[in-house]
Amino acid sequence: MSNKQVPLPLTERVIPEVDEIRSDPSASYWLVESLDAALKRDPVDAVNDAEILADVLSKWCESRLGSEGCNCVSCEGNLISCF
């Protein structure tokens, strides 16, 4: 699979975070691919699904590492509650 990226439409390129993530060599392949896929979807559906995914993954992280070991962005930044 090639790392060659197809430029996104202008309406999506004006969001600086998108270009920053896509060009960041430390950004994971999964993150870049997921972002690109999300930008092709209905924005409300994409955000709702991303919030559900973040919640589930944060809970999974805490269940695997315990509350002291899970220092994910969601748990540390209290963006969503981690149980």
N, C-alpha and C. Protein backbone atom coordinates (compact mmCIF):
# COMPACT_ATOMS: atom_id res chain seq x y z
N MET A 1 0.85 -1.17 0.00
CA MET A 1 0.00 0.00 0.00
C MET A 1 0.90 1.24 0.00
N SER A 2 0.58 2.21 -0.80
CA SER A 2 1.39 3.41 -0.96
C SER A 2 1.02 4.46 0.08
N ASN A 3 2.02 5.26 0.48
CA ASN A 3 1.77 6.37 1.39
C ASN A 3 1.42 7.64 0.63
N LYS A 4 1.33 7.56 -0.70
CA LYS A 4 1.00 8.73 -1.50
C LYS A 4 -0.41 9.18 -1.14
N GLN A 5 -0.53 10.47 -0.82
CA GLN A 5 -1.82 11.00 -0.39
C GLN A 5 -2.42 11.86 -1.49
N VAL A 6 -3.69 11.67 -1.72
CA VAL A 6 -4.42 12.47 -2.69
C VAL A 6 -4.85 13.75 -2.00
N PRO A 7 -4.59 14.92 -2.61
CA PRO A 7 -5.00 16.18 -1.97
C PRO A 7 -6.50 16.22 -1.74
N LEU A 8 -6.87 16.76 -0.60
CA LEU A 8 -8.28 16.92 -0.27
C LEU A 8 -8.81 18.19 -0.90
N PRO A 9 -10.12 18.29 -1.08
CA PRO A 9 -10.72 19.51 -1.63
C PRO A 9 -10.38 20.73 -0.78
N LEU A 10 -10.41 21.91 -1.40
CA LEU A 10 -10.06 23.15 -0.72
C LEU A 10 -10.83 23.34 0.57
N THR A 11 -12.10 22.98 0.59
CA THR A 11 -12.91 23.19 1.80
C THR A 11 -12.34 22.41 2.98
N GLU A 12 -11.66 21.31 2.73
CA GLU A 12 -11.07 20.53 3.82
C GLU A 12 -9.64 20.95 4.10
N ARG A 13 -8.96 21.54 3.14
CA ARG A 13 -7.58 21.96 3.35
C ARG A 13 -7.48 23.24 4.16
N VAL A 14 -8.55 23.99 4.32
CA VAL A 14 -8.48 25.24 5.07
C VAL A 14 -8.48 25.00 6.58
N ILE A 15 -8.69 23.80 7.02
CA ILE A 15 -8.62 23.46 8.43
C ILE A 15 -7.17 23.08 8.72
N PRO A 16 -6.40 23.96 9.41
CA PRO A 16 -4.96 23.73 9.55
C PRO A 16 -4.61 22.41 10.23
N GLU A 17 -5.39 21.96 11.17
CA GLU A 17 -5.08 20.73 11.88
C GLU A 17 -5.05 19.53 10.94
N VAL A 18 -5.89 19.55 9.92
CA VAL A 18 -5.93 18.44 8.97
C VAL A 18 -4.59 18.32 8.25
N ASP A 19 -4.10 19.42 7.70
CA ASP A 19 -2.82 19.39 7.01
C ASP A 19 -1.67 19.08 7.95
N GLU A 20 -1.74 19.60 9.17
CA GLU A 20 -0.68 19.33 10.14
C GLU A 20 -0.60 17.84 10.46
N ILE A 21 -1.73 17.22 10.69
CA ILE A 21 -1.74 15.79 11.01
C ILE A 21 -1.29 14.98 9.81
N ARG A 22 -1.79 15.31 8.63
CA ARG A 22 -1.45 14.55 7.43
C ARG A 22 0.04 14.64 7.10
N SER A 23 0.69 15.76 7.43
CA SER A 23 2.10 15.94 7.09
C SER A 23 3.04 15.59 8.24
N ASP A 24 2.50 15.28 9.39
CA ASP A 24 3.33 14.96 10.55
C ASP A 24 3.87 13.54 10.44
N PRO A 25 5.19 13.38 10.34
CA PRO A 25 5.75 12.04 10.20
C PRO A 25 5.53 11.16 11.43
N SER A 26 5.23 11.77 12.58
CA SER A 26 4.99 10.97 13.78
C SER A 26 3.53 10.54 13.90
N ALA A 27 2.66 11.07 13.05
CA ALA A 27 1.24 10.67 13.08
C ALA A 27 1.12 9.23 12.57
N SER A 28 0.37 8.45 13.28
CA SER A 28 0.24 7.05 12.88
C SER A 28 -0.53 6.92 11.57
N TYR A 29 -0.23 5.85 10.86
CA TYR A 29 -0.92 5.55 9.61
C TYR A 29 -2.42 5.46 9.88
N TRP A 30 -2.79 4.80 10.97
CA TRP A 30 -4.20 4.62 11.31
C TRP A 30 -4.88 5.97 11.52
N LEU A 31 -4.22 6.90 12.21
CA LEU A 31 -4.82 8.21 12.45
C LEU A 31 -5.04 8.97 11.15
N VAL A 32 -4.04 8.99 10.28
CA VAL A 32 -4.16 9.70 9.01
C VAL A 32 -5.25 9.09 8.15
N GLU A 33 -5.27 7.76 8.05
CA GLU A 33 -6.30 7.08 7.25
C GLU A 33 -7.69 7.31 7.82
N SER A 34 -7.80 7.26 9.15
CA SER A 34 -9.10 7.48 9.79
C SER A 34 -9.59 8.90 9.59
N LEU A 35 -8.67 9.87 9.69
CA LEU A 35 -9.04 11.26 9.45
C LEU A 35 -9.50 11.47 8.02
N ASP A 36 -8.75 10.93 7.07
CA ASP A 36 -9.12 11.06 5.66
C ASP A 36 -10.49 10.43 5.40
N ALA A 37 -10.73 9.27 5.98
CA ALA A 37 -12.02 8.60 5.80
C ALA A 37 -13.15 9.41 6.44
N ALA A 38 -12.90 9.97 7.62
CA ALA A 38 -13.93 10.75 8.31
C ALA A 38 -14.29 12.00 7.54
N LEU A 39 -13.31 12.62 6.89
CA LEU A 39 -13.56 13.86 6.15
C LEU A 39 -14.43 13.65 4.91
N LYS A 40 -14.61 12.40 4.52
CA LYS A 40 -15.46 12.09 3.38
C LYS A 40 -16.90 11.81 3.80
N ARG A 41 -17.14 11.80 5.10
CA ARG A 41 -18.46 11.47 5.64
C ARG A 41 -19.25 12.72 5.99
N ASP A 42 -20.49 12.51 6.36
CA ASP A 42 -21.30 13.58 6.92
C ASP A 42 -20.61 14.04 8.20
N PRO A 43 -20.35 15.34 8.38
CA PRO A 43 -19.59 15.80 9.54
C PRO A 43 -20.22 15.45 10.89
N VAL A 44 -21.53 15.56 10.99
CA VAL A 44 -22.19 15.25 12.26
C VAL A 44 -22.05 13.76 12.58
N ASP A 45 -22.27 12.91 11.59
CA ASP A 45 -22.11 11.47 11.82
C ASP A 45 -20.67 11.12 12.19
N ALA A 46 -19.71 11.75 11.52
CA ALA A 46 -18.29 11.48 11.79
C ALA A 46 -17.93 11.87 13.22
N VAL A 47 -18.38 13.04 13.66
CA VAL A 47 -18.08 13.49 15.03
C VAL A 47 -18.75 12.59 16.05
N ASN A 48 -20.01 12.26 15.83
CA ASN A 48 -20.71 11.38 16.77
C ASN A 48 -20.01 10.03 16.89
N ASP A 49 -19.63 9.44 15.76
CA ASP A 49 -18.94 8.15 15.79
C ASP A 49 -17.57 8.26 16.45
N ALA A 50 -16.86 9.37 16.20
CA ALA A 50 -15.54 9.56 16.81
C ALA A 50 -15.64 9.69 18.32
N GLU A 51 -16.69 10.37 18.80
CA GLU A 51 -16.88 10.51 20.24
C GLU A 51 -17.19 9.16 20.89
N ILE A 52 -18.00 8.36 20.23
CA ILE A 52 -18.30 7.02 20.75
C ILE A 52 -17.03 6.17 20.76
N LEU A 53 -16.27 6.21 19.68
CA LEU A 53 -15.02 5.45 19.59
C LEU A 53 -14.04 5.88 20.68
N ALA A 54 -13.89 7.19 20.89
CA ALA A 54 -12.99 7.70 21.93
C ALA A 54 -13.42 7.22 23.31
N ASP A 55 -14.72 7.23 23.57
CA ASP A 55 -15.24 6.78 24.85
C ASP A 55 -14.95 5.29 25.06
N VAL A 56 -15.23 4.49 24.06
CA VAL A 56 -15.00 3.04 24.17
C VAL A 56 -13.51 2.74 24.34
N LEU A 57 -12.66 3.39 23.56
CA LEU A 57 -11.22 3.13 23.65
C LEU A 57 -10.65 3.60 24.98
N SER A 58 -11.16 4.71 25.51
CA SER A 58 -10.70 5.19 26.82
C SER A 58 -11.05 4.19 27.92
N LYS A 59 -12.27 3.67 27.86
CA LYS A 59 -12.69 2.66 28.85
C LYS A 59 -11.86 1.39 28.69
N TRP A 60 -11.57 0.99 27.45
CA TRP A 60 -10.74 -0.18 27.18
C TRP A 60 -9.34 0.03 27.75
N CYS A 61 -8.78 1.21 27.52
CA CYS A 61 -7.45 1.54 28.04
C CYS A 61 -7.42 1.42 29.55
N GLU A 62 -8.39 2.01 30.20
CA GLU A 62 -8.43 1.96 31.66
C GLU A 62 -8.65 0.54 32.17
N SER A 63 -9.45 -0.25 31.46
CA SER A 63 -9.67 -1.63 31.90
C SER A 63 -8.40 -2.47 31.76
N ARG A 64 -7.57 -2.13 30.79
CA ARG A 64 -6.31 -2.86 30.58
C ARG A 64 -5.20 -2.38 31.49
N LEU A 65 -5.14 -1.06 31.74
CA LEU A 65 -4.02 -0.48 32.47
C LEU A 65 -4.38 0.04 33.85
N GLY A 66 -5.66 0.08 34.18
CA GLY A 66 -6.10 0.63 35.45
C GLY A 66 -6.14 2.15 35.39
N SER A 67 -6.80 2.75 36.36
CA SER A 67 -6.97 4.20 36.34
C SER A 67 -5.65 4.94 36.46
N GLU A 68 -4.66 4.37 37.12
CA GLU A 68 -3.36 5.03 37.26
C GLU A 68 -2.52 4.88 36.00
N GLY A 69 -2.72 3.79 35.24
CA GLY A 69 -1.91 3.54 34.06
C GLY A 69 -2.42 4.16 32.79
N CYS A 70 -3.71 4.48 32.76
CA CYS A 70 -4.29 5.04 31.54
C CYS A 70 -4.12 6.55 31.55
N ASN A 71 -3.24 7.03 30.68
CA ASN A 71 -3.03 8.48 30.60
C ASN A 71 -3.35 8.97 29.20
N CYS A 72 -4.41 8.41 28.62
CA CYS A 72 -4.82 8.82 27.28
C CYS A 72 -5.34 10.26 27.32
N VAL A 73 -5.40 10.89 26.19
CA VAL A 73 -5.84 12.28 26.09
C VAL A 73 -7.23 12.44 26.69
N SER A 74 -8.10 11.49 26.43
CA SER A 74 -9.47 11.60 26.94
C SER A 74 -9.50 11.56 28.46
N CYS A 75 -8.70 10.67 29.05
CA CYS A 75 -8.68 10.56 30.51
C CYS A 75 -7.97 11.75 31.15
N GLU A 76 -6.80 12.09 30.62
CA GLU A 76 -6.02 13.18 31.18
C GLU A 76 -6.69 14.53 31.00
N GLY A 77 -7.25 14.76 29.83
CA GLY A 77 -7.88 16.05 29.56
C GLY A 77 -9.33 16.12 29.98
N ASN A 78 -9.84 15.01 30.54
CA ASN A 78 -11.24 14.94 30.95
C ASN A 78 -12.18 15.36 29.83
N LEU A 79 -11.81 15.04 28.58
CA LEU A 79 -12.68 15.35 27.46
C LEU A 79 -13.95 14.52 27.52
N ILE A 80 -13.79 13.29 27.97
CA ILE A 80 -14.93 12.42 28.21
C ILE A 80 -14.63 11.67 29.49
N SER A 81 -15.64 11.15 30.11
CA SER A 81 -15.40 10.44 31.35
C SER A 81 -14.87 9.04 31.09
N CYS A 82 -13.85 8.69 31.82
CA CYS A 82 -13.29 7.34 31.74
C CYS A 82 -13.69 6.63 33.02
N PHE A 83 -14.28 5.47 32.87
CA PHE A 83 -14.73 4.74 34.05
C PHE A 83 -13.86 3.54 34.27
